[in-house]
Amino acid sequence: MAMTGAVRRGIRNPFRSMTRALVVVTLLALVIGFLVLMVEATLAGREKIAAMDRQEQTVIELREAGAFGTGGFGGDNPIGEEGFTLATLEKARHIPHAAHLVRIDEYIDKPEMDASKGNAYAMIIGLPAGAALRAIGEVDYENAKIAAGRNLTTADANARVAVVGRLYAKQRLGINQPSDLAAGGRQFLFNGQPFQVIGIYTTANDFGDNHVFMPLKAFRETYHPGTKLSKIFVTVDSVANVEQVVQELKAIPEADVVTIPESVSTARSTLGNLSVASGYAALMLFAIGAVLVVFVMILSTRERVREIGTLKAIGGSNREIIVQFLAEAVAISGLAGLGATILAVPLAHFLSQALDLPIAFGAHAVLLIFSGAIIFAALGSLYPVIHGVRLNPIEAMRRA
């Protein structure tokens, strides 16, 4: 019975000052929420780096000999003549241990897209519908971010649809803001053929935001590239066979071999720095949360020195004192954990967009939140428990 009373007192104690309780719970909820999301951001960054590392070990990029970047600017051969063509694709397909082609892209450089814009540069890119957009200027250039509308999907393989860059949409199509794209897209002419623009992407870089992506079939029917290609991506069946495949691909005279590690080093470095920064932020937030709970519990203990002394004087045991302070710390941290759970949902969405990382709020995050609340409760109860157990009732009455 005495233990039940101690628990009730502990749960009730934080609310003797409702204003202070509200402020403390709100602050601690924010700290716990951000702490957990920083941990999730750290894990997401590391997982993305690991995924890139797994991919880079078995993916090899072929581009036209002498080309650079994402565009095929290296070939001097007119379209249709011998060069980096479908014949090159057949050579790659016959190499042992090359499991399959990840993607085949075709590009066309069209400097004068609009007579009113002078020699305005743009690149039209045909690729298999559903493949990741790949644009110059991104840090993680394998994936352009859709700013409005939607991406190309496998269902668009036979459709005349396109996804355009933010700058292209503004300068060529008169769409000043991605959000101005009408639901379902808008129709425009590409090389005299009608296309439905279904999405606008961005790389946060003007040089990368002036491309047009369309399904490979529609691209070929519109721009008639013949057998010309500019990019081929090959997947090797195992890491052990990568060197052998690279050597065989290098024997193709019209192609240059570019290994993925060369092209993703910047992205890995950026993600690594972001992961480290998120880790440090998580440690700092943990320290702030611990200090906040400990401070509140120290203040609570000092305010009730006389009460504790009286309780001990009338026969209250040290066990009751311990249970009371544990219940108080758990009440504060538990409410903060509940608040953090509510706040973390919109915060996760905000951080996902800000950091461009897939920060998901799920069962793992909830477990982390309440684990953090329990740890803070344990830390916060240490001082009052030790102080209360050692407190002399007579001295407490005199000091109070």
Protein backbone atom coordinates (compact mmCIF):
# COMPACT_ATOMS: atom_id res chain seq x y z
CA MET A 1 0.00 0.00 0.00
CA ALA A 2 2.86 2.33 0.88
CA MET A 3 4.46 1.66 -2.52
CA THR A 4 1.19 2.51 -4.30
CA GLY A 5 1.06 5.82 -2.45
CA ALA A 6 4.66 6.57 -3.39
CA VAL A 7 3.89 5.92 -7.07
CA ARG A 8 0.84 8.21 -6.93
CA ARG A 9 2.81 11.00 -5.29
CA GLY A 10 5.58 10.63 -7.85
CA ILE A 11 3.17 10.83 -10.80
CA ARG A 12 1.36 13.80 -9.24
CA ASN A 13 4.45 15.80 -8.23
CA PRO A 14 5.42 17.20 -11.67
CA PHE A 15 2.00 18.82 -12.00
CA ARG A 16 2.19 20.92 -8.85
CA SER A 17 3.35 23.64 -11.24
CA MET A 18 1.39 23.11 -14.45
CA THR A 19 3.27 25.83 -16.33
CA ARG A 20 6.66 24.34 -15.54
CA ALA A 21 5.43 20.84 -16.34
CA LEU A 22 4.12 21.98 -19.74
CA VAL A 23 7.35 23.78 -20.63
CA VAL A 24 9.57 20.87 -19.51
CA VAL A 25 7.51 18.20 -21.28
CA THR A 26 7.35 20.27 -24.50
CA LEU A 27 11.09 20.97 -24.53
CA LEU A 28 11.95 17.36 -23.74
CA ALA A 29 9.53 16.12 -26.41
CA LEU A 30 11.27 18.29 -29.00
CA VAL A 31 14.69 17.10 -27.86
CA ILE A 32 13.70 13.43 -27.95
CA GLY A 33 11.94 13.83 -31.31
CA PHE A 34 14.90 15.51 -32.98
CA LEU A 35 17.32 13.10 -31.27
CA VAL A 36 15.57 10.07 -32.72
CA LEU A 37 15.28 11.63 -36.17
CA MET A 38 18.99 12.50 -36.16
CA VAL A 39 19.73 8.87 -35.31
CA GLU A 40 17.44 7.78 -38.17
CA ALA A 41 19.16 10.28 -40.52
CA THR A 42 22.56 8.87 -39.54
CA LEU A 43 21.37 5.32 -40.24
CA ALA A 44 19.72 6.36 -43.53
CA GLY A 45 22.90 8.09 -44.69
CA ARG A 46 25.03 5.07 -43.86
CA GLU A 47 22.56 2.72 -45.59
CA LYS A 48 22.60 4.89 -48.72
CA ILE A 49 26.40 4.85 -48.75
CA ALA A 50 26.36 1.07 -48.28
CA ALA A 51 23.88 0.70 -51.15
CA MET A 52 26.08 2.84 -53.39
CA ASP A 53 29.11 0.76 -52.42
CA ARG A 54 27.25 -2.46 -53.20
CA GLN A 55 26.16 -1.11 -56.57
CA GLU A 56 29.47 0.41 -57.58
CA GLN A 57 31.27 -2.88 -57.22
CA THR A 58 29.33 -4.51 -60.04
CA VAL A 59 28.13 -1.67 -62.31
CA ILE A 60 30.24 -0.41 -65.21
CA GLU A 61 29.39 2.53 -67.44
CA LEU A 62 30.26 2.65 -71.13
CA ARG A 63 30.17 5.91 -73.00
CA GLU A 64 31.20 7.05 -76.44
CA ALA A 65 34.99 7.30 -76.80
CA GLY A 66 36.14 10.82 -76.00
CA ALA A 67 32.81 11.81 -74.41
CA PHE A 68 32.56 13.47 -71.02
CA GLY A 69 29.92 13.91 -68.36
CA THR A 70 26.39 12.72 -68.91
CA GLY A 71 26.19 13.86 -72.54
CA GLY A 72 27.65 12.08 -75.52
CA PHE A 73 29.84 14.88 -76.92
CA GLY A 74 32.80 12.75 -77.93
CA GLY A 75 31.84 11.28 -81.28
CA ASP A 76 32.66 12.99 -84.56
CA ASN A 77 30.72 10.39 -86.54
CA PRO A 78 27.32 11.53 -87.86
CA ILE A 79 24.28 9.67 -86.59
CA GLY A 80 23.91 6.36 -88.33
CA GLU A 81 27.60 5.90 -89.18
CA GLU A 82 29.99 3.50 -87.46
CA GLY A 83 30.70 4.51 -83.88
CA PHE A 84 29.06 4.00 -80.49
CA THR A 85 25.96 2.21 -81.80
CA LEU A 86 23.71 -0.80 -81.31
CA ALA A 87 26.66 -2.85 -82.63
CA THR A 88 28.59 -1.75 -79.52
CA LEU A 89 25.65 -2.94 -77.42
CA GLU A 90 25.85 -6.38 -79.03
CA LYS A 91 29.58 -6.59 -78.26
CA ALA A 92 28.87 -5.83 -74.59
CA ARG A 93 26.11 -8.41 -74.46
CA HIS A 94 28.41 -11.18 -75.62
CA ILE A 95 30.96 -10.63 -72.84
CA PRO A 96 30.85 -13.48 -70.26
CA HIS A 97 29.84 -12.60 -66.70
CA ALA A 98 28.12 -9.38 -67.80
CA ALA A 99 24.80 -10.31 -66.20
CA HIS A 100 22.58 -7.76 -67.91
CA LEU A 101 22.41 -4.18 -69.09
CA VAL A 102 21.10 -1.88 -66.40
CA ARG A 103 20.11 0.86 -68.78
CA ILE A 104 20.68 2.08 -72.33
CA ASP A 105 20.43 5.83 -72.86
CA GLU A 106 20.44 7.90 -76.03
CA TYR A 107 21.12 11.62 -76.04
CA ILE A 108 20.83 14.37 -78.60
CA ASP A 109 22.36 17.83 -78.29
CA LYS A 110 19.97 20.45 -79.67
CA PRO A 111 21.56 23.89 -79.24
CA GLU A 112 18.88 25.97 -80.98
CA MET A 113 15.70 24.66 -79.36
CA ASP A 114 13.98 28.04 -79.53
CA ALA A 115 14.82 30.74 -82.08
CA SER A 116 13.82 33.46 -79.60
CA LYS A 117 16.42 32.20 -77.11
CA GLY A 118 19.41 32.24 -79.46
CA ASN A 119 21.89 29.40 -79.12
CA ALA A 120 20.26 28.08 -75.95
CA TYR A 121 21.65 24.73 -74.87
CA ALA A 122 19.45 21.77 -73.95
CA MET A 123 19.75 18.00 -74.06
CA ILE A 124 17.01 15.55 -75.00
CA ILE A 125 17.53 12.16 -73.36
CA GLY A 126 15.79 8.95 -74.33
CA LEU A 127 15.92 6.14 -71.80
CA PRO A 128 13.95 3.01 -70.86
CA ALA A 129 10.78 4.10 -69.10
CA GLY A 130 11.10 3.53 -65.36
CA ALA A 131 14.89 4.01 -65.26
CA ALA A 132 16.32 6.54 -62.82
CA LEU A 133 16.76 10.03 -64.28
CA ARG A 134 20.40 10.94 -64.72
CA ALA A 135 21.34 14.59 -65.16
CA ILE A 136 24.52 16.62 -65.09
CA GLY A 137 24.99 18.78 -62.01
CA GLU A 138 23.70 16.59 -59.22
CA VAL A 139 25.68 15.44 -56.20
CA ASP A 140 23.90 12.11 -56.35
CA TYR A 141 23.51 12.33 -60.12
CA GLU A 142 21.89 8.92 -60.42
CA ASN A 143 18.59 10.30 -59.17
CA ALA A 144 17.10 13.65 -60.14
CA LYS A 145 14.40 14.80 -57.70
CA ILE A 146 10.84 15.19 -59.01
CA ALA A 147 9.65 18.70 -58.07
CA ALA A 148 6.17 18.46 -59.60
CA GLY A 149 4.06 15.85 -61.36
CA ARG A 150 5.51 12.36 -61.61
CA ASN A 151 8.41 10.37 -63.03
CA LEU A 152 8.38 8.10 -66.07
CA THR A 153 7.22 4.57 -65.27
CA THR A 154 7.31 1.27 -67.14
CA ALA A 155 3.69 1.94 -68.15
CA ASP A 156 4.96 4.91 -70.22
CA ALA A 157 7.17 2.76 -72.49
CA ASN A 158 4.94 3.35 -75.54
CA ALA A 159 3.65 6.80 -74.61
CA ARG A 160 4.66 10.26 -75.82
CA VAL A 161 5.37 11.73 -72.41
CA ALA A 162 8.31 13.66 -70.98
CA VAL A 163 9.85 14.87 -67.73
CA VAL A 164 11.67 18.21 -68.05
CA GLY A 165 14.15 20.11 -65.90
CA ARG A 166 13.16 23.09 -63.77
CA LEU A 167 15.18 25.56 -65.89
CA TYR A 168 13.96 24.04 -69.16
CA ALA A 169 10.35 24.34 -67.98
CA LYS A 170 10.86 28.00 -67.08
CA GLN A 171 12.80 29.12 -70.15
CA ARG A 172 11.22 26.96 -72.87
CA LEU A 173 7.73 26.06 -71.67
CA GLY A 174 6.75 29.14 -69.68
CA ILE A 175 6.24 27.19 -66.44
CA ASN A 176 7.80 29.59 -63.93
CA GLN A 177 7.32 27.40 -60.87
CA PRO A 178 7.17 23.57 -60.85
CA SER A 179 3.94 23.84 -58.85
CA ASP A 180 2.35 25.56 -61.87
CA LEU A 181 2.38 22.29 -63.81
CA ALA A 182 -1.24 21.31 -64.36
CA ALA A 183 -2.56 18.09 -62.89
CA GLY A 184 -1.96 15.39 -65.47
CA GLY A 185 0.62 17.53 -67.26
CA ARG A 186 0.55 19.88 -70.25
CA GLN A 187 1.08 19.24 -73.95
CA PHE A 188 4.08 20.70 -75.83
CA LEU A 189 5.85 20.05 -79.13
CA PHE A 190 9.26 18.36 -79.27
CA ASN A 191 10.77 18.34 -82.75
CA GLY A 192 7.29 18.99 -84.08
CA GLN A 193 5.71 16.05 -82.23
CA PRO A 194 3.15 16.49 -79.41
CA PHE A 195 4.25 15.29 -75.98
CA GLN A 196 2.56 15.40 -72.60
CA VAL A 197 4.94 16.89 -70.00
CA ILE A 198 4.02 14.88 -66.91
CA GLY A 199 6.74 15.98 -64.50
CA ILE A 200 9.41 18.54 -63.64
CA TYR A 201 12.67 17.49 -61.98
CA THR A 202 15.40 19.48 -60.25
CA THR A 203 19.04 18.95 -59.34
CA ALA A 204 19.36 22.37 -57.63
CA ASN A 205 21.80 23.21 -60.45
CA ASP A 206 20.91 25.16 -63.61
CA PHE A 207 23.30 23.14 -65.77
CA GLY A 208 21.55 19.92 -64.73
CA ASP A 209 18.02 21.36 -64.91
CA ASN A 210 17.86 21.94 -68.67
CA HIS A 211 17.30 18.38 -69.90
CA VAL A 212 14.26 16.53 -71.22
CA PHE A 213 13.74 12.84 -70.42
CA MET A 214 11.41 10.77 -72.56
CA PRO A 215 10.83 7.03 -73.18
CA LEU A 216 13.37 5.51 -75.54
CA LYS A 217 10.76 4.44 -78.11
CA ALA A 218 9.23 7.93 -78.33
CA PHE A 219 12.72 9.44 -78.53
CA ARG A 220 13.69 7.25 -81.48
CA GLU A 221 10.44 7.96 -83.31
CA THR A 222 10.84 11.72 -82.78
CA TYR A 223 14.56 12.31 -83.28
CA HIS A 224 15.48 9.36 -85.54
CA PRO A 225 18.94 8.60 -84.08
CA GLY A 226 19.26 5.40 -86.12
CA THR A 227 21.58 2.97 -84.38
CA LYS A 228 23.44 5.68 -82.47
CA LEU A 229 23.88 5.30 -78.68
CA SER A 230 25.74 7.34 -76.10
CA LYS A 231 25.52 5.36 -72.85
CA ILE A 232 25.39 1.69 -71.87
CA PHE A 233 25.36 0.39 -68.28
CA VAL A 234 26.55 -3.15 -67.63
CA THR A 235 26.02 -5.17 -64.45
CA VAL A 236 28.63 -7.82 -63.65
CA ASP A 237 27.36 -11.03 -62.05
CA SER A 238 29.88 -10.88 -59.15
CA VAL A 239 32.58 -8.63 -57.72
CA ALA A 240 35.22 -11.25 -58.53
CA ASN A 241 34.54 -10.88 -62.27
CA VAL A 242 34.54 -7.07 -62.45
CA GLU A 243 38.19 -6.69 -63.50
CA GLN A 244 37.83 -9.31 -66.22
CA VAL A 245 34.71 -7.63 -67.64
CA VAL A 246 36.36 -4.18 -67.48
CA GLN A 247 39.32 -5.44 -69.49
CA GLU A 248 37.04 -6.97 -72.13
CA LEU A 249 34.97 -3.80 -72.37
CA LYS A 250 38.14 -1.73 -72.80
CA ALA A 251 38.90 -3.79 -75.88
CA ILE A 252 35.90 -2.15 -77.62
CA PRO A 253 37.58 0.72 -79.50
CA GLU A 254 34.58 3.03 -79.83
CA ALA A 255 33.80 2.96 -76.10
CA ASP A 256 35.32 4.41 -72.94
CA VAL A 257 34.90 2.52 -69.67
CA VAL A 258 33.93 4.55 -66.61
CA THR A 259 33.73 2.74 -63.30
CA ILE A 260 31.07 3.79 -60.84
CA PRO A 261 33.54 4.61 -58.01
CA GLU A 262 34.86 7.50 -60.12
CA SER A 263 31.39 8.91 -60.65
CA VAL A 264 29.93 8.58 -57.14
CA SER A 265 32.90 9.60 -54.98
CA THR A 266 31.45 13.09 -54.45
CA ALA A 267 28.07 11.71 -53.45
CA ARG A 268 29.66 9.25 -51.00
CA SER A 269 31.74 12.02 -49.44
CA THR A 270 28.72 14.31 -49.09
CA LEU A 271 26.56 11.59 -47.57
CA GLY A 272 29.40 10.59 -45.25
CA ASN A 273 29.74 14.16 -43.98
CA LEU A 274 25.98 14.38 -43.53
CA SER A 275 25.94 11.11 -41.58
CA VAL A 276 28.74 12.29 -39.29
CA ALA A 277 26.99 15.65 -38.73
CA SER A 278 23.73 13.86 -37.88
CA GLY A 279 25.60 11.64 -35.42
CA TYR A 280 27.16 14.63 -33.66
CA ALA A 281 23.77 16.37 -33.58
CA ALA A 282 22.24 13.26 -31.97
CA LEU A 283 24.94 13.21 -29.27
CA MET A 284 24.42 16.91 -28.57
CA LEU A 285 20.64 16.48 -28.31
CA PHE A 286 21.10 13.52 -25.98
CA ALA A 287 23.28 15.65 -23.71
CA ILE A 288 20.72 18.49 -23.77
CA GLY A 289 17.89 16.10 -22.89
CA ALA A 290 19.85 14.50 -20.07
CA VAL A 291 20.78 17.90 -18.60
CA LEU A 292 17.16 19.09 -18.85
CA VAL A 293 15.72 16.10 -16.99
CA VAL A 294 18.46 16.09 -14.35
CA PHE A 295 18.02 19.84 -13.74
CA VAL A 296 14.25 19.52 -13.32
CA MET A 297 14.63 16.61 -10.90
CA ILE A 298 17.31 18.44 -8.87
CA LEU A 299 15.02 21.47 -8.64
CA SER A 300 12.12 19.25 -7.62
CA THR A 301 14.20 17.56 -4.93
CA ARG A 302 15.39 20.83 -3.40
CA GLU A 303 11.87 22.23 -3.35
CA ARG A 304 10.64 19.23 -1.33
CA VAL A 305 13.45 18.70 1.17
CA ARG A 306 11.07 19.29 4.12
CA GLU A 307 8.45 16.98 2.62
CA ILE A 308 11.00 14.19 2.20
CA GLY A 309 12.30 14.74 5.71
CA THR A 310 8.77 14.58 7.14
CA LEU A 311 8.04 11.39 5.20
CA LYS A 312 11.17 9.75 6.60
CA ALA A 313 10.44 11.04 10.11
CA ILE A 314 7.03 9.31 10.19
CA GLY A 315 8.53 6.02 9.09
CA GLY A 316 8.79 6.27 5.32
CA SER A 317 11.40 3.89 4.01
CA ASN A 318 14.20 4.63 1.57
CA ARG A 319 12.43 2.29 -0.83
CA GLU A 320 9.37 4.57 -0.86
CA ILE A 321 11.58 7.58 -1.53
CA ILE A 322 13.25 5.80 -4.45
CA VAL A 323 9.90 4.67 -5.93
CA GLN A 324 8.47 8.17 -5.62
CA PHE A 325 11.32 9.83 -7.51
CA LEU A 326 11.42 7.09 -10.14
CA ALA A 327 7.69 7.54 -10.75
CA GLU A 328 8.14 11.32 -11.08
CA ALA A 329 11.00 10.96 -13.59
CA VAL A 330 9.06 8.33 -15.57
CA ALA A 331 5.96 10.56 -15.64
CA ILE A 332 7.92 13.48 -17.10
CA SER A 333 9.88 11.40 -19.60
CA GLY A 334 6.87 9.27 -20.56
CA LEU A 335 4.77 12.31 -21.42
CA ALA A 336 7.71 13.77 -23.33
CA GLY A 337 8.05 10.49 -25.24
CA LEU A 338 4.36 10.60 -26.16
CA GLY A 339 4.75 14.20 -27.31
CA ALA A 340 7.86 13.29 -29.31
CA THR A 341 5.93 10.53 -31.08
CA ILE A 342 3.28 13.04 -32.16
CA LEU A 343 5.84 15.67 -33.23
CA ALA A 344 8.17 13.24 -35.03
CA VAL A 345 5.73 12.48 -37.88
CA PRO A 346 5.76 15.99 -39.44
CA LEU A 347 9.41 16.48 -38.40
CA ALA A 348 10.40 13.30 -40.27
CA HIS A 349 8.77 14.59 -43.45
CA PHE A 350 10.48 17.98 -43.06
CA LEU A 351 13.93 16.46 -42.47
CA SER A 352 13.51 14.00 -45.34
CA GLN A 353 13.02 16.91 -47.72
CA ALA A 354 15.72 19.09 -46.13
CA LEU A 355 18.39 16.36 -46.11
CA ASP A 356 17.13 14.48 -49.18
CA LEU A 357 17.28 11.21 -47.25
CA PRO A 358 14.54 8.59 -46.75
CA ILE A 359 13.92 9.25 -43.05
CA ALA A 360 10.98 7.02 -42.18
CA PHE A 361 8.94 7.22 -38.99
CA GLY A 362 7.97 3.69 -38.05
CA ALA A 363 8.14 1.10 -35.30
CA HIS A 364 11.92 1.47 -35.06
CA ALA A 365 11.61 5.22 -34.40
CA VAL A 366 8.88 4.69 -31.80
CA LEU A 367 11.08 2.14 -30.01
CA LEU A 368 13.96 4.62 -30.02
CA ILE A 369 11.73 7.38 -28.63
CA PHE A 370 10.55 5.38 -25.63
CA SER A 371 14.00 3.88 -25.09
CA GLY A 372 15.30 7.44 -24.91
CA ALA A 373 12.53 8.40 -22.50
CA ILE A 374 13.43 5.50 -20.19
CA ILE A 375 17.13 6.43 -20.28
CA PHE A 376 16.34 10.06 -19.46
CA ALA A 377 14.08 8.94 -16.61
CA ALA A 378 16.87 6.77 -15.20
CA LEU A 379 19.42 9.59 -15.46
CA GLY A 380 17.03 12.14 -13.98
CA SER A 381 16.22 10.00 -10.94
CA LEU A 382 19.86 9.39 -9.93
CA TYR A 383 20.42 12.64 -7.99
CA PRO A 384 17.09 12.72 -6.10
CA VAL A 385 17.34 9.03 -5.19
CA ILE A 386 20.88 9.35 -3.82
CA HIS A 387 20.08 12.63 -2.07
CA GLY A 388 16.79 11.37 -0.63
CA VAL A 389 18.29 8.16 0.72
CA ARG A 390 21.11 10.05 2.44
CA LEU A 391 18.88 12.81 3.80
CA ASN A 392 18.68 13.08 7.61
CA PRO A 393 15.07 13.87 8.65
CA ILE A 394 16.07 16.23 11.50
CA GLU A 395 18.52 18.12 9.30
CA ALA A 396 15.95 18.34 6.55
CA MET A 397 13.39 19.88 8.93
CA ARG A 398 15.96 22.40 10.15
CA ARG A 399 17.15 23.39 6.63
CA ALA A 400 13.62 23.79 5.40
